[in-house]
Amino acid sequence: MEKHTVKKQYSCQVCGSAFSQTSHLNSHMRTHTGERPYSCQVCGASFSLNSTLRNHIRTHTGEKPYSCQVCGASFSQNGTLKIHQRMHTGEKPYSCQICEASFSRNCYLKMHLRVHTGEKPYSCQICGTTFSRNASVKIHQRMHTGEKPYSCKICGAAFSRNVHLKIHQRIHTGEKPYSCQTCEAAFKDSSKLKRHIRSHTSERPYVCQICDFAFRNSTHLKDHMRTHTAERPYSCQVCGASFSKSGTLKNHMRTHTGEKPYSCQVCGASFSENATLKRHIRLHTRGKQ
């Protein structure tokens, strides 16, 4: 059977692209002229195509005419529905030519390629730190602004990232989905499991460049580095005393508040520091040894 080919007789004088209809050529020409003749009557946004305006108007009306036949989720655009359906089919049509990783969306592939190129096109306007993703810049900037848009419905604690909120919520639910295969200890988040595993392997990947002392996690290395720099970034708002570790500041604050959260299960005595409680407990156990 012979294939019927459509003749593309209308050519763009700027870039040479060819089209079968004059209306298609006219629409294409707006990519060169920047013309946007279709305007939204609600917010004034303008578009080069009438179809793009129709899609935009649904952001105001809330209309979602495209529905997934598998799970019922609905969308304002047909293209968004097609991308969603790949979640069900597992289709990943966009492949990396370097490592063969595949993705359901072209934008995910573009972001992935920066792993290989090292490209970081998004910069923080405050401190200049660069990132491979725009979303990472937005999250980073909350460190400067103090914005914490994700709040716990139970205790009101607020977080700059949704993933941190999810980890926090496990305090309330008691969920510990990350388990050690050696001793079955369980943890709320994967980073704590990784640190714990090093207690079995004795791995200490974080090394001080000054004295070669090694640590199981990066936080301990940062704390250690202050013994070289004498930096004391944690200050008491009551008396002005400063400390190299946040935990030391917390212990110090109890000298002002009188809080003693560590209690002896034998005699009921309470202490401001866990280390003091441990020393006290030895008084009870000493005679039994």
Protein backbone atom coordinates (compact mmCIF):
# COMPACT_ATOMS: atom_id res chain seq x y z
CA MET A 1 0.00 0.00 0.00
CA GLU A 2 1.39 3.36 -1.05
CA LYS A 3 2.02 5.93 1.66
CA HIS A 4 0.35 9.27 1.11
CA THR A 5 2.82 12.08 1.82
CA VAL A 6 1.63 15.63 2.48
CA LYS A 7 3.50 18.22 0.46
CA LYS A 8 5.01 20.97 2.57
CA GLN A 9 4.93 23.88 0.14
CA TYR A 10 4.94 26.82 2.59
CA SER A 11 8.44 27.68 3.81
CA CYS A 12 9.68 30.02 6.52
CA GLN A 13 11.93 32.70 5.03
CA VAL A 14 13.85 32.99 8.32
CA CYS A 15 14.85 29.40 9.21
CA GLY A 16 13.68 27.31 6.25
CA SER A 17 11.11 25.17 8.14
CA ALA A 18 8.37 23.92 5.82
CA PHE A 19 4.63 23.50 6.43
CA SER A 20 1.67 22.01 4.59
CA GLN A 21 -0.72 24.84 5.53
CA THR A 22 -0.36 28.63 5.59
CA SER A 23 -1.98 28.76 9.05
CA HIS A 24 0.81 26.55 10.43
CA LEU A 25 3.44 28.80 8.83
CA ASN A 26 1.75 31.90 10.31
CA SER A 27 1.80 30.33 13.79
CA HIS A 28 5.45 29.36 13.36
CA MET A 29 6.44 32.89 12.28
CA ARG A 30 5.47 34.16 15.76
CA THR A 31 8.43 32.24 17.21
CA HIS A 32 10.60 34.69 15.23
CA THR A 33 8.55 37.88 15.65
CA GLY A 34 7.61 37.34 19.30
CA GLU A 35 4.01 38.28 18.46
CA ARG A 36 1.43 37.12 21.06
CA PRO A 37 -2.03 38.02 19.71
CA TYR A 38 -4.07 35.82 22.08
CA SER A 39 -4.65 37.42 25.49
CA CYS A 40 -6.26 36.09 28.67
CA GLN A 41 -9.21 38.25 29.74
CA VAL A 42 -8.68 37.29 33.39
CA CYS A 43 -4.97 38.00 34.05
CA GLY A 44 -3.71 39.62 30.83
CA ALA A 45 -1.16 36.90 29.98
CA SER A 46 -0.61 36.67 26.21
CA PHE A 47 0.24 33.74 23.95
CA SER A 48 1.35 33.07 20.38
CA LEU A 49 -1.17 30.24 19.88
CA ASN A 50 -4.92 30.13 20.54
CA SER A 51 -4.59 26.53 21.81
CA THR A 52 -2.04 27.65 24.42
CA LEU A 53 -4.47 30.34 25.58
CA ARG A 54 -7.23 27.70 25.94
CA ASN A 55 -4.93 25.55 28.09
CA HIS A 56 -4.01 28.58 30.19
CA ILE A 57 -7.65 29.56 30.82
CA ARG A 58 -8.13 26.22 32.61
CA THR A 59 -5.76 27.46 35.34
CA HIS A 60 -8.49 30.00 36.13
CA THR A 61 -11.56 27.79 35.62
CA GLY A 62 -10.08 24.66 37.24
CA GLU A 63 -11.34 22.60 34.29
CA LYS A 64 -9.56 19.25 33.89
CA PRO A 65 -11.10 17.49 30.89
CA TYR A 66 -8.41 14.81 30.43
CA SER A 67 -8.78 11.80 32.74
CA CYS A 68 -6.56 8.78 33.36
CA GLN A 69 -8.43 5.54 32.64
CA VAL A 70 -6.32 3.67 35.21
CA CYS A 71 -6.51 5.77 38.39
CA GLY A 72 -9.00 8.53 37.54
CA ALA A 73 -6.56 11.44 38.00
CA SER A 74 -7.59 14.38 35.82
CA PHE A 75 -5.54 17.03 34.03
CA SER A 76 -6.02 20.34 32.23
CA GLN A 77 -3.82 19.33 29.29
CA ASN A 78 -3.68 16.19 27.18
CA GLY A 79 0.14 16.28 27.17
CA THR A 80 0.20 16.18 30.98
CA LEU A 81 -2.12 13.15 30.93
CA LYS A 82 0.24 11.32 28.54
CA ILE A 83 3.20 11.98 30.82
CA HIS A 84 1.17 10.78 33.83
CA GLN A 85 0.20 7.54 32.07
CA ARG A 86 3.88 6.57 31.86
CA MET A 87 3.75 6.16 35.64
CA HIS A 88 1.37 3.24 35.05
CA THR A 89 2.99 1.81 31.93
CA GLY A 90 6.59 2.25 33.10
CA GLU A 91 7.43 3.79 29.73
CA LYS A 92 10.66 5.86 29.78
CA PRO A 93 11.25 7.08 26.23
CA TYR A 94 14.06 9.53 26.99
CA SER A 95 17.46 7.82 27.35
CA CYS A 96 20.89 9.13 28.33
CA GLN A 97 23.45 8.41 25.62
CA ILE A 98 26.26 8.30 28.20
CA CYS A 99 25.03 5.92 30.90
CA GLU A 100 21.75 4.60 29.40
CA ALA A 101 19.60 5.84 32.31
CA SER A 102 16.07 6.43 31.03
CA PHE A 103 13.33 8.87 32.02
CA SER A 104 9.62 9.43 31.52
CA ARG A 105 10.07 13.12 30.72
CA ASN A 106 12.54 15.01 28.55
CA CYS A 107 13.08 17.64 31.27
CA TYR A 108 14.24 14.87 33.66
CA LEU A 109 16.77 13.71 31.06
CA LYS A 110 18.08 17.28 30.65
CA MET A 111 18.56 17.59 34.43
CA HIS A 112 20.27 14.19 34.54
CA LEU A 113 22.74 15.14 31.80
CA ARG A 114 24.16 17.81 34.12
CA VAL A 115 25.49 14.96 36.29
CA HIS A 116 27.82 14.16 33.39
CA THR A 117 28.55 17.72 32.21
CA GLY A 118 28.88 19.28 35.66
CA GLU A 119 26.74 22.17 34.46
CA LYS A 120 25.16 24.23 37.26
CA PRO A 121 23.22 27.03 35.55
CA TYR A 122 21.17 28.17 38.56
CA SER A 123 22.81 30.52 41.08
CA CYS A 124 21.83 31.83 44.50
CA GLN A 125 21.61 35.62 44.27
CA ILE A 126 22.67 35.97 47.91
CA CYS A 127 25.77 33.77 48.30
CA GLY A 128 26.56 32.70 44.72
CA THR A 129 26.25 28.94 45.30
CA THR A 130 25.37 27.19 42.03
CA PHE A 131 23.01 24.29 41.36
CA SER A 132 22.05 21.98 38.51
CA ARG A 133 18.31 22.43 39.19
CA ASN A 134 16.21 25.56 39.72
CA ALA A 135 14.22 23.74 42.43
CA SER A 136 17.45 23.24 44.40
CA VAL A 137 18.10 27.00 44.35
CA LYS A 138 14.62 27.69 45.75
CA ILE A 139 15.17 25.18 48.57
CA HIS A 140 18.65 26.58 49.27
CA GLN A 141 17.38 30.18 49.44
CA ARG A 142 15.12 29.25 52.37
CA MET A 143 18.35 28.92 54.37
CA HIS A 144 18.81 32.68 53.85
CA THR A 145 15.16 33.76 54.18
CA GLY A 146 14.26 31.40 57.03
CA GLU A 147 11.13 30.35 55.14
CA LYS A 148 9.67 27.04 56.35
CA PRO A 149 6.53 26.32 54.30
CA TYR A 150 5.99 22.72 55.43
CA SER A 151 4.29 22.41 58.82
CA CYS A 152 3.47 19.41 61.00
CA LYS A 153 -0.30 19.19 61.65
CA ILE A 154 0.31 17.54 65.02
CA CYS A 155 2.90 19.72 66.79
CA GLY A 156 3.30 22.73 64.48
CA ALA A 157 7.02 22.17 63.79
CA ALA A 158 7.96 23.79 60.47
CA PHE A 159 10.50 22.76 57.83
CA SER A 160 12.08 24.20 54.69
CA ARG A 161 11.71 20.92 52.77
CA ASN A 162 8.80 18.50 52.44
CA VAL A 163 11.14 15.51 52.84
CA HIS A 164 12.22 16.84 56.26
CA LEU A 165 8.57 17.12 57.30
CA LYS A 166 7.95 13.49 56.29
CA ILE A 167 10.93 12.33 58.36
CA HIS A 168 9.73 14.40 61.32
CA GLN A 169 6.21 12.94 61.17
CA ARG A 170 7.69 9.53 61.93
CA ILE A 171 8.36 10.82 65.45
CA HIS A 172 4.59 10.91 65.90
CA THR A 173 3.76 7.73 63.99
CA GLY A 174 6.70 5.72 65.34
CA GLU A 175 7.42 4.53 61.81
CA LYS A 176 11.01 3.36 61.24
CA PRO A 177 11.16 2.08 57.67
CA TYR A 178 14.97 1.74 57.40
CA SER A 179 16.33 -1.42 59.04
CA CYS A 180 19.90 -2.65 59.59
CA GLN A 181 20.46 -6.08 58.03
CA THR A 182 23.12 -6.91 60.66
CA CYS A 183 21.44 -6.12 63.98
CA GLU A 184 17.85 -5.19 62.97
CA ALA A 185 18.09 -1.69 64.46
CA ALA A 186 15.52 0.54 62.74
CA PHE A 187 15.62 4.23 61.85
CA LYS A 188 13.33 7.03 60.72
CA ASP A 189 15.52 8.11 57.81
CA SER A 190 18.06 6.50 55.51
CA SER A 191 20.95 8.80 56.49
CA LYS A 192 20.80 7.58 60.11
CA LEU A 193 20.83 3.98 58.86
CA LYS A 194 23.94 4.69 56.75
CA ARG A 195 25.71 6.21 59.76
CA HIS A 196 24.68 3.23 61.92
CA ILE A 197 26.01 0.69 59.40
CA ARG A 198 29.45 2.26 59.81
CA SER A 199 29.38 1.12 63.46
CA HIS A 200 29.50 -2.44 62.07
CA THR A 201 31.97 -1.80 59.25
CA SER A 202 34.19 0.66 61.20
CA GLU A 203 34.20 2.81 58.06
CA ARG A 204 35.18 6.43 58.75
CA PRO A 205 34.95 8.25 55.40
CA TYR A 206 35.14 11.81 56.73
CA VAL A 207 38.79 12.75 57.31
CA CYS A 208 40.22 15.94 58.83
CA GLN A 209 42.66 17.52 56.38
CA ILE A 210 44.70 19.00 59.25
CA CYS A 211 45.29 16.08 61.63
CA ASP A 212 43.95 13.06 59.66
CA PHE A 213 41.43 12.19 62.40
CA ALA A 214 38.55 10.27 60.76
CA PHE A 215 34.82 10.23 61.55
CA ARG A 216 31.77 8.16 60.71
CA ASN A 217 29.62 11.17 59.75
CA SER A 218 30.15 14.67 58.37
CA THR A 219 28.58 16.40 61.39
CA HIS A 220 31.25 15.01 63.70
CA LEU A 221 33.95 16.18 61.29
CA LYS A 222 32.47 19.71 61.23
CA ASP A 223 32.38 19.77 65.03
CA HIS A 224 35.97 18.53 65.14
CA MET A 225 37.22 21.17 62.68
CA ARG A 226 36.26 23.85 65.21
CA THR A 227 38.97 22.52 67.54
CA HIS A 228 41.41 23.77 64.87
CA THR A 229 39.62 27.00 63.92
CA ALA A 230 38.39 27.85 67.48
CA GLU A 231 35.08 28.82 65.84
CA ARG A 232 32.14 29.01 68.29
CA PRO A 233 29.04 29.69 66.19
CA TYR A 234 26.43 28.76 68.83
CA SER A 235 25.75 31.59 71.27
CA CYS A 236 23.59 31.77 74.40
CA GLN A 237 20.96 34.50 74.11
CA VAL A 238 20.87 34.89 77.91
CA CYS A 239 24.53 35.35 78.94
CA GLY A 240 26.43 35.51 75.63
CA ALA A 241 28.52 32.38 76.20
CA SER A 242 29.47 30.72 72.88
CA PHE A 243 30.07 27.09 71.97
CA SER A 244 31.47 25.02 69.12
CA LYS A 245 28.58 22.50 69.18
CA SER A 246 24.81 23.04 69.21
CA GLY A 247 24.44 20.16 71.70
CA THR A 248 26.77 21.92 74.15
CA LEU A 249 24.66 25.09 73.86
CA LYS A 250 21.50 23.06 74.61
CA ASN A 251 23.11 21.61 77.73
CA HIS A 252 24.26 25.09 78.78
CA MET A 253 20.77 26.59 78.35
CA ARG A 254 19.53 24.24 81.08
CA THR A 255 21.70 26.12 83.59
CA HIS A 256 19.38 29.06 82.93
CA THR A 257 16.07 27.19 82.62
CA GLY A 258 16.72 24.62 85.37
CA GLU A 259 15.46 21.87 83.06
CA LYS A 260 16.60 18.36 84.02
CA PRO A 261 15.24 15.96 81.38
CA TYR A 262 17.37 12.90 82.30
CA SER A 263 15.92 10.87 85.19
CA CYS A 264 17.29 7.88 87.12
CA GLN A 265 14.92 4.92 86.96
CA VAL A 266 16.21 3.67 90.34
CA CYS A 267 15.92 6.65 92.66
CA GLY A 268 14.23 9.33 90.57
CA ALA A 269 17.11 11.83 90.67
CA SER A 270 17.14 14.06 87.56
CA PHE A 271 19.96 15.71 85.65
CA SER A 272 20.49 18.31 82.95
CA GLU A 273 22.92 16.11 80.96
CA ASN A 274 22.76 12.47 79.90
CA ALA A 275 26.46 11.99 80.74
CA THR A 276 25.81 13.07 84.34
CA LEU A 277 22.95 10.57 84.59
CA LYS A 278 25.24 7.77 83.37
CA ARG A 279 27.84 8.62 86.03
CA HIS A 280 25.09 8.67 88.65
CA ILE A 281 23.76 5.25 87.60
CA ARG A 282 27.17 3.76 88.32
CA LEU A 283 26.63 4.61 91.99
CA HIS A 284 23.73 2.15 92.01
CA THR A 285 25.46 -0.57 89.99
CA ARG A 286 28.87 -0.33 91.70
CA GLY A 287 27.86 -2.40 94.74
CA LYS A 288 26.28 -5.12 92.58
CA GLN A 289 29.42 -5.89 90.60
